[in-house]
């Protein structure tokens, strides 16, 4: 579910790992990003403010993501009841280790590498899911300002410089739009 959420929202991994169930408004299909998990090497994890002021945001969730999050919550509650060593976290966090502690960022990265290997895909970082989400939005025709705000970027320039490399789909659609426009002139 963590990887699905990253791919469908463009959250940074620390933002996703910091989420609590209180940050998700299922009725209005909104997720609030107001903190990030910092997990320094050989140290205690802690919550911090997100990367920038623009990173404080609400993200609209699609129906599939809402349904999967609800299913994840039910599954977690069943696990607490079924297995004694599966502990409910004190902080109401969405993603956690079996003992209720924060998920470690490096463990998530290593697991993602394993998933990539098993799927026969190039070895990537979970951050690639953020990149994929942004590119998919842009290819679908989403306004770059919307994509920038959804990702929590401080400026549209950051979004454009990072994600608006020309893909074949964007190029083909732009050329098609141009041809239709020039035919009307």
N, C-alpha and C. Protein backbone atom coordinates (compact mmCIF):
# COMPACT_ATOMS: atom_id res chain seq x y z
N UNK A 1 0.82 -1.20 0.00
CA UNK A 1 0.00 0.00 0.00
C UNK A 1 0.87 1.26 0.00
N UNK A 2 1.99 1.20 0.68
CA UNK A 2 2.89 2.36 0.71
C UNK A 2 3.33 2.74 -0.71
N UNK A 3 3.76 1.76 -1.49
CA UNK A 3 4.23 2.05 -2.84
C UNK A 3 3.08 2.53 -3.73
N UNK A 4 1.91 1.98 -3.53
CA UNK A 4 0.73 2.42 -4.28
C UNK A 4 0.43 3.88 -3.95
N UNK A 5 0.47 4.22 -2.67
CA UNK A 5 0.20 5.60 -2.27
C UNK A 5 1.22 6.57 -2.87
N UNK A 6 2.50 6.18 -2.84
CA UNK A 6 3.53 7.04 -3.43
C UNK A 6 3.28 7.24 -4.93
N UNK A 7 2.90 6.17 -5.61
CA UNK A 7 2.69 6.23 -7.05
C UNK A 7 1.43 7.01 -7.43
N UNK A 8 0.43 7.03 -6.55
CA UNK A 8 -0.84 7.66 -6.89
C UNK A 8 -1.00 9.07 -6.33
N UNK A 9 -0.02 9.51 -5.51
CA UNK A 9 -0.11 10.85 -4.92
C UNK A 9 1.13 11.71 -5.16
N UNK A 10 2.26 11.09 -5.44
CA UNK A 10 3.50 11.84 -5.60
C UNK A 10 4.11 12.29 -4.29
N UNK A 11 3.69 11.69 -3.19
CA UNK A 11 4.26 12.04 -1.89
C UNK A 11 5.75 11.69 -1.84
N UNK A 12 6.50 12.45 -1.06
CA UNK A 12 7.87 12.08 -0.73
C UNK A 12 7.78 10.95 0.29
N UNK A 13 8.79 10.10 0.34
CA UNK A 13 8.72 8.94 1.22
C UNK A 13 8.58 9.34 2.69
N UNK A 14 9.30 10.37 3.12
CA UNK A 14 9.20 10.83 4.51
C UNK A 14 7.81 11.34 4.85
N UNK A 15 7.16 11.98 3.86
CA UNK A 15 5.79 12.47 4.06
C UNK A 15 4.83 11.29 4.23
N UNK A 16 5.00 10.27 3.43
CA UNK A 16 4.12 9.09 3.50
C UNK A 16 4.33 8.34 4.82
N UNK A 17 5.58 8.19 5.23
CA UNK A 17 5.87 7.45 6.46
C UNK A 17 5.40 8.20 7.71
N UNK A 18 5.23 9.50 7.62
CA UNK A 18 4.77 10.31 8.75
C UNK A 18 3.25 10.35 8.87
N UNK A 19 2.54 9.87 7.85
CA UNK A 19 1.07 9.95 7.85
C UNK A 19 0.42 9.20 9.01
N UNK A 20 -0.59 9.84 9.57
CA UNK A 20 -1.44 9.16 10.54
C UNK A 20 -2.83 9.05 9.91
N UNK A 21 -3.65 8.20 10.50
CA UNK A 21 -5.01 8.04 9.97
C UNK A 21 -5.80 9.34 10.08
N UNK A 22 -5.41 10.20 11.02
CA UNK A 22 -6.08 11.50 11.17
C UNK A 22 -5.78 12.43 9.99
N UNK A 23 -4.72 12.15 9.24
CA UNK A 23 -4.36 12.98 8.09
C UNK A 23 -5.19 12.65 6.84
N UNK A 24 -5.99 11.60 6.93
CA UNK A 24 -6.78 11.16 5.78
C UNK A 24 -8.26 11.40 6.05
N UNK A 25 -8.86 12.22 5.22
CA UNK A 25 -10.30 12.50 5.30
C UNK A 25 -10.96 11.65 4.22
N UNK A 26 -11.47 10.49 4.64
CA UNK A 26 -12.05 9.56 3.67
C UNK A 26 -13.32 10.11 3.02
N UNK A 27 -14.10 10.85 3.79
CA UNK A 27 -15.35 11.39 3.26
C UNK A 27 -15.12 12.37 2.12
N UNK A 28 -14.15 13.27 2.31
CA UNK A 28 -13.86 14.27 1.29
C UNK A 28 -12.73 13.86 0.34
N UNK A 29 -12.16 12.68 0.58
CA UNK A 29 -11.09 12.12 -0.26
C UNK A 29 -9.89 13.06 -0.32
N UNK A 30 -9.44 13.48 0.87
CA UNK A 30 -8.33 14.41 0.97
C UNK A 30 -7.29 13.88 1.96
N UNK A 31 -6.04 14.05 1.60
CA UNK A 31 -4.92 13.68 2.46
C UNK A 31 -4.17 14.97 2.81
N UNK A 32 -3.89 15.17 4.07
CA UNK A 32 -3.18 16.37 4.51
C UNK A 32 -1.72 16.05 4.78
N UNK A 33 -0.84 16.82 4.16
CA UNK A 33 0.60 16.67 4.38
C UNK A 33 1.03 17.84 5.25
N UNK A 34 1.43 17.53 6.49
CA UNK A 34 1.84 18.59 7.41
C UNK A 34 3.07 18.23 8.23
N UNK A 35 3.70 17.10 7.87
CA UNK A 35 4.90 16.65 8.59
C UNK A 35 5.65 15.66 7.72
N UNK A 36 6.88 15.39 8.10
CA UNK A 36 7.70 14.39 7.42
C UNK A 36 8.50 13.63 8.47
N UNK A 37 8.75 12.36 8.18
CA UNK A 37 9.54 11.54 9.09
C UNK A 37 11.00 11.65 8.70
N UNK A 38 11.82 12.00 9.67
CA UNK A 38 13.26 12.05 9.47
C UNK A 38 13.84 10.88 10.26
N UNK A 39 14.62 10.05 9.59
CA UNK A 39 15.18 8.85 10.23
C UNK A 39 16.68 8.85 10.03
N UNK A 40 17.41 9.62 10.86
CA UNK A 40 18.87 9.70 10.70
C UNK A 40 19.52 8.34 10.96
N UNK A 41 20.61 8.07 10.27
CA UNK A 41 21.32 6.82 10.46
C UNK A 41 21.78 6.68 11.90
N UNK A 42 21.57 5.51 12.47
CA UNK A 42 21.97 5.19 13.85
C UNK A 42 21.43 6.19 14.88
N UNK A 43 20.22 6.65 14.65
CA UNK A 43 19.63 7.61 15.56
C UNK A 43 18.12 7.38 15.66
N UNK A 44 17.49 8.12 16.53
CA UNK A 44 16.05 7.99 16.74
C UNK A 44 15.28 8.81 15.70
N UNK A 45 14.24 8.21 15.12
CA UNK A 45 13.45 8.97 14.15
C UNK A 45 12.65 10.08 14.84
N UNK A 46 12.33 11.10 14.08
CA UNK A 46 11.51 12.18 14.63
C UNK A 46 10.69 12.83 13.51
N UNK A 47 9.63 13.48 13.90
CA UNK A 47 8.80 14.21 12.94
C UNK A 47 9.33 15.62 12.81
N UNK A 48 9.29 16.12 11.57
CA UNK A 48 9.74 17.47 11.29
C UNK A 48 8.74 18.12 10.35
N UNK A 49 8.94 19.41 10.13
CA UNK A 49 8.10 20.10 9.14
C UNK A 49 8.54 19.63 7.76
N UNK A 50 7.63 19.66 6.79
CA UNK A 50 8.01 19.24 5.43
C UNK A 50 9.12 20.10 4.84
N UNK A 51 9.59 19.68 3.69
CA UNK A 51 10.75 20.27 3.02
C UNK A 51 10.66 21.79 2.84
N UNK A 52 9.50 22.31 2.47
CA UNK A 52 9.33 23.75 2.28
C UNK A 52 7.92 24.13 2.72
N UNK A 53 7.66 25.43 2.77
CA UNK A 53 6.32 25.91 3.15
C UNK A 53 5.27 25.39 2.16
N UNK A 54 5.65 25.30 0.87
CA UNK A 54 4.73 24.80 -0.15
C UNK A 54 4.43 23.31 0.04
N UNK A 55 5.29 22.61 0.79
CA UNK A 55 5.08 21.19 1.04
C UNK A 55 3.92 20.95 2.00
N UNK A 56 3.51 21.97 2.74
CA UNK A 56 2.32 21.88 3.58
C UNK A 56 1.13 21.98 2.64
N UNK A 57 0.39 20.88 2.47
CA UNK A 57 -0.65 20.87 1.44
C UNK A 57 -1.70 19.80 1.70
N UNK A 58 -2.78 19.92 0.96
CA UNK A 58 -3.78 18.85 0.94
C UNK A 58 -3.78 18.28 -0.47
N UNK A 59 -3.94 16.98 -0.54
CA UNK A 59 -3.92 16.28 -1.82
C UNK A 59 -5.24 15.56 -2.00
N UNK A 60 -5.89 15.81 -3.10
CA UNK A 60 -7.13 15.12 -3.44
C UNK A 60 -6.78 13.67 -3.82
N UNK A 61 -7.54 12.72 -3.28
CA UNK A 61 -7.31 11.31 -3.55
C UNK A 61 -8.34 10.79 -4.54
N UNK A 62 -7.91 9.90 -5.41
CA UNK A 62 -8.85 9.27 -6.34
C UNK A 62 -9.57 8.12 -5.63
N UNK A 63 -10.66 7.65 -6.22
CA UNK A 63 -11.48 6.60 -5.61
C UNK A 63 -10.72 5.32 -5.33
N UNK A 64 -9.85 4.90 -6.25
CA UNK A 64 -9.09 3.67 -6.07
C UNK A 64 -8.18 3.78 -4.84
N UNK A 65 -7.49 4.89 -4.70
CA UNK A 65 -6.58 5.08 -3.57
C UNK A 65 -7.36 5.09 -2.26
N UNK A 66 -8.50 5.76 -2.23
CA UNK A 66 -9.34 5.78 -1.03
C UNK A 66 -9.76 4.36 -0.65
N UNK A 67 -10.21 3.61 -1.64
CA UNK A 67 -10.66 2.24 -1.38
C UNK A 67 -9.50 1.38 -0.84
N UNK A 68 -8.33 1.51 -1.44
CA UNK A 68 -7.18 0.73 -0.99
C UNK A 68 -6.71 1.13 0.41
N UNK A 69 -6.77 2.42 0.72
CA UNK A 69 -6.41 2.87 2.07
C UNK A 69 -7.38 2.33 3.12
N UNK A 70 -8.66 2.32 2.79
CA UNK A 70 -9.66 1.76 3.72
C UNK A 70 -9.40 0.27 3.94
N UNK A 71 -9.08 -0.42 2.87
CA UNK A 71 -8.78 -1.85 2.95
C UNK A 71 -7.52 -2.09 3.80
N UNK A 72 -6.52 -1.23 3.61
CA UNK A 72 -5.27 -1.31 4.38
C UNK A 72 -5.55 -1.12 5.87
N UNK A 73 -6.40 -0.16 6.20
CA UNK A 73 -6.73 0.09 7.61
C UNK A 73 -7.44 -1.12 8.22
N UNK A 74 -8.37 -1.70 7.49
CA UNK A 74 -9.07 -2.89 7.98
C UNK A 74 -8.08 -4.04 8.17
N UNK A 75 -7.21 -4.22 7.19
CA UNK A 75 -6.20 -5.28 7.27
C UNK A 75 -5.31 -5.11 8.49
N UNK A 76 -4.88 -3.88 8.74
CA UNK A 76 -4.03 -3.62 9.91
C UNK A 76 -4.77 -3.95 11.20
N UNK A 77 -6.02 -3.53 11.31
CA UNK A 77 -6.79 -3.81 12.52
C UNK A 77 -6.99 -5.31 12.72
N UNK A 78 -7.17 -6.05 11.64
CA UNK A 78 -7.28 -7.52 11.74
C UNK A 78 -5.97 -8.12 12.22
N UNK A 79 -4.86 -7.58 11.74
CA UNK A 79 -3.54 -8.08 12.15
C UNK A 79 -3.30 -7.88 13.65
N UNK A 80 -3.72 -6.74 14.18
CA UNK A 80 -3.55 -6.48 15.61
C UNK A 80 -4.31 -7.52 16.44
N UNK A 81 -5.48 -7.88 15.97
CA UNK A 81 -6.30 -8.85 16.69
C UNK A 81 -5.81 -10.28 16.52
N UNK A 82 -5.30 -10.59 15.35
CA UNK A 82 -4.94 -11.97 15.02
C UNK A 82 -3.56 -12.39 15.55
N UNK A 83 -2.60 -11.48 15.52
CA UNK A 83 -1.22 -11.82 15.87
C UNK A 83 -0.76 -11.03 17.09
N UNK A 84 -0.30 -11.74 18.11
CA UNK A 84 0.14 -11.08 19.35
C UNK A 84 1.36 -10.19 19.14
N UNK A 85 2.28 -10.62 18.26
CA UNK A 85 3.51 -9.82 18.08
C UNK A 85 3.32 -8.66 17.10
N UNK A 86 2.12 -8.49 16.59
CA UNK A 86 1.82 -7.37 15.70
C UNK A 86 1.20 -6.28 16.54
N UNK A 87 1.98 -5.24 16.82
CA UNK A 87 1.57 -4.20 17.77
C UNK A 87 0.97 -2.98 17.08
N UNK A 88 -0.08 -2.47 17.69
CA UNK A 88 -0.69 -1.23 17.21
C UNK A 88 0.20 -0.07 17.67
N UNK A 89 0.57 0.83 16.75
CA UNK A 89 1.45 1.94 17.15
C UNK A 89 0.71 2.93 18.06
N UNK A 90 1.46 3.57 18.91
CA UNK A 90 0.88 4.56 19.83
C UNK A 90 0.47 5.82 19.09
N UNK A 91 1.11 6.09 17.96
CA UNK A 91 0.92 7.35 17.26
C UNK A 91 -0.10 7.30 16.13
N UNK A 92 -0.80 6.19 15.93
CA UNK A 92 -1.84 6.09 14.90
C UNK A 92 -1.28 6.24 13.49
N UNK A 93 0.00 5.85 13.30
CA UNK A 93 0.63 5.98 11.99
C UNK A 93 0.07 4.94 11.02
N UNK A 94 0.03 5.31 9.75
CA UNK A 94 -0.54 4.45 8.71
C UNK A 94 0.41 3.31 8.36
N UNK A 95 1.70 3.61 8.23
CA UNK A 95 2.69 2.61 7.85
C UNK A 95 3.70 2.43 8.98
N UNK A 96 3.86 1.19 9.42
CA UNK A 96 4.76 0.93 10.55
C UNK A 96 5.29 -0.48 10.50
N UNK A 97 6.30 -0.73 11.34
CA UNK A 97 6.86 -2.07 11.49
C UNK A 97 5.88 -2.92 12.30
N UNK A 98 6.09 -4.22 12.31
CA UNK A 98 5.18 -5.13 13.04
C UNK A 98 5.15 -4.83 14.54
N UNK A 99 6.21 -4.21 15.05
CA UNK A 99 6.25 -3.89 16.48
C UNK A 99 5.68 -2.50 16.80
N UNK A 100 5.10 -1.84 15.79
CA UNK A 100 4.46 -0.54 16.01
C UNK A 100 5.36 0.66 15.83
N UNK A 101 6.66 0.42 15.60
CA UNK A 101 7.58 1.54 15.41
C UNK A 101 7.53 2.04 13.98
N UNK A 102 8.07 3.27 13.77
CA UNK A 102 8.13 3.86 12.44
C UNK A 102 8.83 2.91 11.48
N UNK A 103 8.40 2.90 10.25
CA UNK A 103 9.13 2.19 9.20
C UNK A 103 10.40 2.96 8.93
N UNK A 104 11.49 2.25 8.76
CA UNK A 104 12.77 2.90 8.47
C UNK A 104 12.86 3.16 6.97
N UNK A 105 13.27 4.36 6.61
CA UNK A 105 13.37 4.76 5.21
C UNK A 105 14.30 3.83 4.44
N UNK A 106 15.44 3.48 5.04
CA UNK A 106 16.39 2.62 4.34
C UNK A 106 15.83 1.21 4.13
N UNK A 107 15.01 0.72 5.05
CA UNK A 107 14.38 -0.59 4.89
C UNK A 107 13.39 -0.55 3.73
N UNK A 108 12.63 0.53 3.65
CA UNK A 108 11.67 0.70 2.56
C UNK A 108 12.42 0.73 1.22
N UNK A 109 13.53 1.45 1.16
CA UNK A 109 14.32 1.52 -0.07
C UNK A 109 14.85 0.14 -0.48
N UNK A 110 15.36 -0.61 0.49
CA UNK A 110 15.88 -1.94 0.21
C UNK A 110 14.77 -2.88 -0.26
N UNK A 111 13.62 -2.81 0.36
CA UNK A 111 12.49 -3.65 -0.04
C UNK A 111 12.05 -3.29 -1.46
N UNK A 112 12.04 -2.01 -1.77
CA UNK A 112 11.65 -1.57 -3.10
C UNK A 112 12.61 -2.14 -4.15
N UNK A 113 13.91 -2.17 -3.82
CA UNK A 113 14.90 -2.76 -4.73
C UNK A 113 14.56 -4.23 -4.98
N UNK A 114 14.19 -4.94 -3.93
CA UNK A 114 13.82 -6.35 -4.06
C UNK A 114 12.59 -6.53 -4.94
N UNK A 115 11.61 -5.66 -4.76
CA UNK A 115 10.39 -5.71 -5.58
C UNK A 115 10.76 -5.49 -7.04
N UNK A 116 11.63 -4.52 -7.31
CA UNK A 116 12.07 -4.26 -8.68
C UNK A 116 12.76 -5.49 -9.27
N UNK A 117 13.65 -6.12 -8.50
CA UNK A 117 14.36 -7.31 -8.97
C UNK A 117 13.37 -8.42 -9.30
N UNK A 118 12.44 -8.70 -8.38
CA UNK A 118 11.46 -9.77 -8.59
C UNK A 118 10.58 -9.51 -9.82
N UNK A 119 10.30 -8.25 -10.08
CA UNK A 119 9.45 -7.90 -11.21
C UNK A 119 10.26 -7.79 -12.51
N UNK A 120 11.57 -7.97 -12.42
CA UNK A 120 12.42 -7.88 -13.60
C UNK A 120 12.56 -6.45 -14.11
N UNK A 121 12.46 -5.49 -13.21
CA UNK A 121 12.56 -4.07 -13.57
C UNK A 121 13.92 -3.52 -13.17
N UNK A 122 14.32 -2.40 -13.76
CA UNK A 122 15.56 -1.76 -13.32
C UNK A 122 15.45 -1.41 -11.83
N UNK A 123 16.55 -1.47 -11.13
CA UNK A 123 16.56 -1.15 -9.70
C UNK A 123 16.42 0.37 -9.55
N UNK A 124 15.35 0.76 -8.87
CA UNK A 124 15.06 2.18 -8.67
C UNK A 124 14.84 2.47 -7.20
N UNK A 125 14.75 3.74 -6.89
CA UNK A 125 14.41 4.20 -5.55
C UNK A 125 12.90 4.42 -5.49
N UNK A 126 12.28 4.32 -4.32
CA UNK A 126 10.86 4.64 -4.22
C UNK A 126 10.53 6.05 -4.70
N UNK A 127 11.53 6.93 -4.71
CA UNK A 127 11.33 8.31 -5.20
C UNK A 127 10.93 8.30 -6.68
N UNK A 128 11.29 7.24 -7.40
CA UNK A 128 10.92 7.13 -8.81
C UNK A 128 9.40 7.11 -8.97
N UNK A 129 8.67 6.67 -7.94
CA UNK A 129 7.21 6.65 -8.00
C UNK A 129 6.66 8.07 -8.00
N UNK A 130 7.32 8.97 -7.30
CA UNK A 130 6.94 10.41 -7.31
C UNK A 130 7.14 10.97 -8.71
N UNK A 131 8.29 10.64 -9.29
CA UNK A 131 8.60 11.09 -10.64
C UNK A 131 7.57 10.55 -11.64
N UNK A 132 7.25 9.29 -11.53
CA UNK A 132 6.27 8.66 -12.42
C UNK A 132 4.90 9.33 -12.29
N UNK A 133 4.50 9.60 -11.06
CA UNK A 133 3.21 10.26 -10.82
C UNK A 133 3.16 11.62 -11.52
N UNK A 134 4.23 12.39 -11.35
CA UNK A 134 4.28 13.72 -11.97
C UNK A 134 4.22 13.62 -13.48
N UNK A 135 5.00 12.73 -14.07
CA UNK A 135 5.02 12.59 -15.52
C UNK A 135 3.66 12.12 -16.03
N UNK A 136 3.04 11.18 -15.33
CA UNK A 136 1.70 10.71 -15.74
C UNK A 136 0.69 11.86 -15.71
N UNK A 137 0.74 12.69 -14.68
CA UNK A 137 -0.17 13.83 -14.62
C UNK A 137 0.05 14.77 -15.80
N UNK A 138 1.31 15.06 -16.08
CA UNK A 138 1.62 15.97 -17.19
C UNK A 138 1.23 15.36 -18.53
N UNK A 139 1.49 14.08 -18.71
CA UNK A 139 1.09 13.41 -19.96
C UNK A 139 -0.43 13.36 -20.11
N UNK A 140 -1.13 13.28 -18.98
CA UNK A 140 -2.60 13.26 -19.03
C UNK A 140 -3.17 14.65 -19.33
N UNK A 141 -2.31 15.67 -19.32
CA UNK A 141 -2.76 17.01 -19.65
C UNK A 141 -3.01 17.90 -18.46
N UNK A 142 -2.59 17.46 -17.27
CA UNK A 142 -2.79 18.29 -16.08
C UNK A 142 -1.97 19.57 -16.19
N UNK A 143 -2.51 20.64 -15.66
CA UNK A 143 -1.85 21.94 -15.64
C UNK A 143 -0.60 21.85 -14.76
N UNK A 144 0.50 22.41 -15.23
CA UNK A 144 1.76 22.33 -14.48
C UNK A 144 1.66 22.99 -13.11
N UNK A 145 0.85 24.03 -12.98
CA UNK A 145 0.65 24.69 -11.68
C UNK A 145 0.01 23.70 -10.70
N UNK A 146 -0.99 22.95 -11.17
CA UNK A 146 -1.64 21.92 -10.33
C UNK A 146 -0.62 20.85 -9.91
N UNK A 147 0.17 20.38 -10.86
CA UNK A 147 1.17 19.34 -10.57
C UNK A 147 2.17 19.86 -9.55
N UNK A 148 2.60 21.09 -9.72
CA UNK A 148 3.55 21.71 -8.80
C UNK A 148 2.99 21.78 -7.38
N UNK A 149 1.74 22.21 -7.25
CA UNK A 149 1.11 22.31 -5.93
C UNK A 149 0.89 20.92 -5.32
N UNK A 150 0.49 19.97 -6.14
CA UNK A 150 0.25 18.60 -5.66
C UNK A 150 1.54 17.97 -5.11
N UNK A 151 2.66 18.28 -5.78
CA UNK A 151 3.94 17.73 -5.34
C UNK A 151 4.55 18.52 -4.18
N UNK A 152 4.00 19.70 -3.92
CA UNK A 152 4.53 20.52 -2.82
C UNK A 152 5.79 21.27 -3.18
N UNK A 153 5.94 21.58 -4.45
CA UNK A 153 7.11 22.35 -4.89
C UNK A 153 6.94 23.82 -4.55
N UNK A 154 8.05 24.46 -4.26
CA UNK A 154 8.03 25.88 -3.92
C UNK A 154 7.73 26.74 -5.15
N UNK A 155 8.05 26.24 -6.35
CA UNK A 155 7.78 27.01 -7.56
C UNK A 155 7.49 26.09 -8.74
N UNK A 156 6.82 26.65 -9.73
CA UNK A 156 6.55 25.90 -10.96
C UNK A 156 7.86 25.57 -11.67
N UNK A 157 8.84 26.45 -11.53
CA UNK A 157 10.15 26.23 -12.17
C UNK A 157 10.76 24.91 -11.70
N UNK A 158 10.65 24.62 -10.42
CA UNK A 158 11.17 23.36 -9.89
C UNK A 158 10.50 22.18 -10.59
N UNK A 159 9.18 22.26 -10.70
CA UNK A 159 8.43 21.19 -11.35
C UNK A 159 8.84 21.04 -12.81
N UNK A 160 8.90 22.16 -13.52
CA UNK A 160 9.25 22.13 -14.94
C UNK A 160 10.65 21.59 -15.14
N UNK A 161 11.61 22.09 -14.36
CA UNK A 161 13.00 21.65 -14.50
C UNK A 161 13.17 20.17 -14.18
N UNK A 162 12.39 19.67 -13.24
CA UNK A 162 12.54 18.29 -12.79
C UNK A 162 11.74 17.31 -13.63
N UNK A 163 10.51 17.67 -13.99
CA UNK A 163 9.61 16.69 -14.58
C UNK A 163 9.15 16.95 -16.00
N UNK A 164 9.33 18.14 -16.50
CA UNK A 164 8.75 18.46 -17.80
C UNK A 164 9.71 18.19 -18.95
N UNK A 165 10.47 17.11 -18.81
CA UNK A 165 11.26 16.70 -19.96
C UNK A 165 10.26 16.17 -21.00
N UNK A 166 10.56 16.35 -22.22
CA UNK A 166 9.60 16.01 -23.27
C UNK A 166 9.52 14.49 -23.42
N UNK A 167 8.33 13.96 -23.21
CA UNK A 167 8.11 12.54 -23.45
C UNK A 167 7.50 12.41 -24.84
N UNK A 168 7.58 11.24 -25.40
CA UNK A 168 7.03 10.98 -26.73
C UNK A 168 5.55 11.33 -26.77
N UNK A 169 4.81 10.97 -25.71
CA UNK A 169 3.37 11.22 -25.67
C UNK A 169 3.08 12.73 -25.67
N UNK A 170 3.79 13.48 -24.82
CA UNK A 170 3.58 14.94 -24.76
C UNK A 170 3.93 15.57 -26.11
N UNK A 171 5.03 15.12 -26.70
CA UNK A 171 5.47 15.65 -27.98
C UNK A 171 4.42 15.38 -29.07
N UNK A 172 3.93 14.14 -29.15
CA UNK A 172 2.93 13.78 -30.16
C UNK A 172 1.64 14.57 -29.98
N UNK A 173 1.19 14.70 -28.73
CA UNK A 173 -0.05 15.43 -28.47
C UNK A 173 0.09 16.91 -28.77
N UNK A 174 1.25 17.48 -28.45
CA UNK A 174 1.49 18.90 -28.73
C UNK A 174 1.48 19.15 -30.24
N UNK A 175 2.12 18.25 -30.98
CA UNK A 175 2.15 18.40 -32.43
C UNK A 175 0.75 18.25 -33.02
N UNK A 176 -0.04 17.32 -32.50
CA UNK A 176 -1.42 17.13 -32.96
C UNK A 176 -2.25 18.39 -32.68
N UNK A 177 -2.10 18.96 -31.49
CA UNK A 177 -2.81 20.20 -31.15
C UNK A 177 -2.41 21.32 -32.10
N UNK A 178 -1.13 21.41 -32.40
CA UNK A 178 -0.63 22.44 -33.30
C UNK A 178 -1.22 22.26 -34.69
N UNK A 179 -1.23 21.03 -35.17
CA UNK A 179 -1.78 20.77 -36.52
C UNK A 179 -3.27 21.14 -36.58
N UNK A 180 -4.02 20.77 -35.56
CA UNK A 180 -5.45 21.11 -35.54
C UNK A 180 -5.64 22.62 -35.51
N UNK A 181 -4.81 23.31 -34.76
CA UNK A 181 -4.89 24.77 -34.66
C UNK A 181 -4.59 25.42 -36.01
N UNK A 182 -3.51 24.97 -36.66
CA UNK A 182 -3.10 25.60 -37.92
C UNK A 182 -4.09 25.30 -39.05
N UNK A 183 -4.81 24.22 -38.96
CA UNK A 183 -5.82 23.90 -39.98
C UNK A 183 -6.99 24.88 -39.94
N UNK A 184 -7.21 25.48 -38.79
CA UNK A 184 -8.32 26.42 -38.62
C UNK A 184 -7.95 27.82 -39.09
N UNK A 185 -6.68 28.09 -39.23
CA UNK A 185 -6.22 29.45 -39.60
C UNK A 185 -6.49 29.72 -41.06
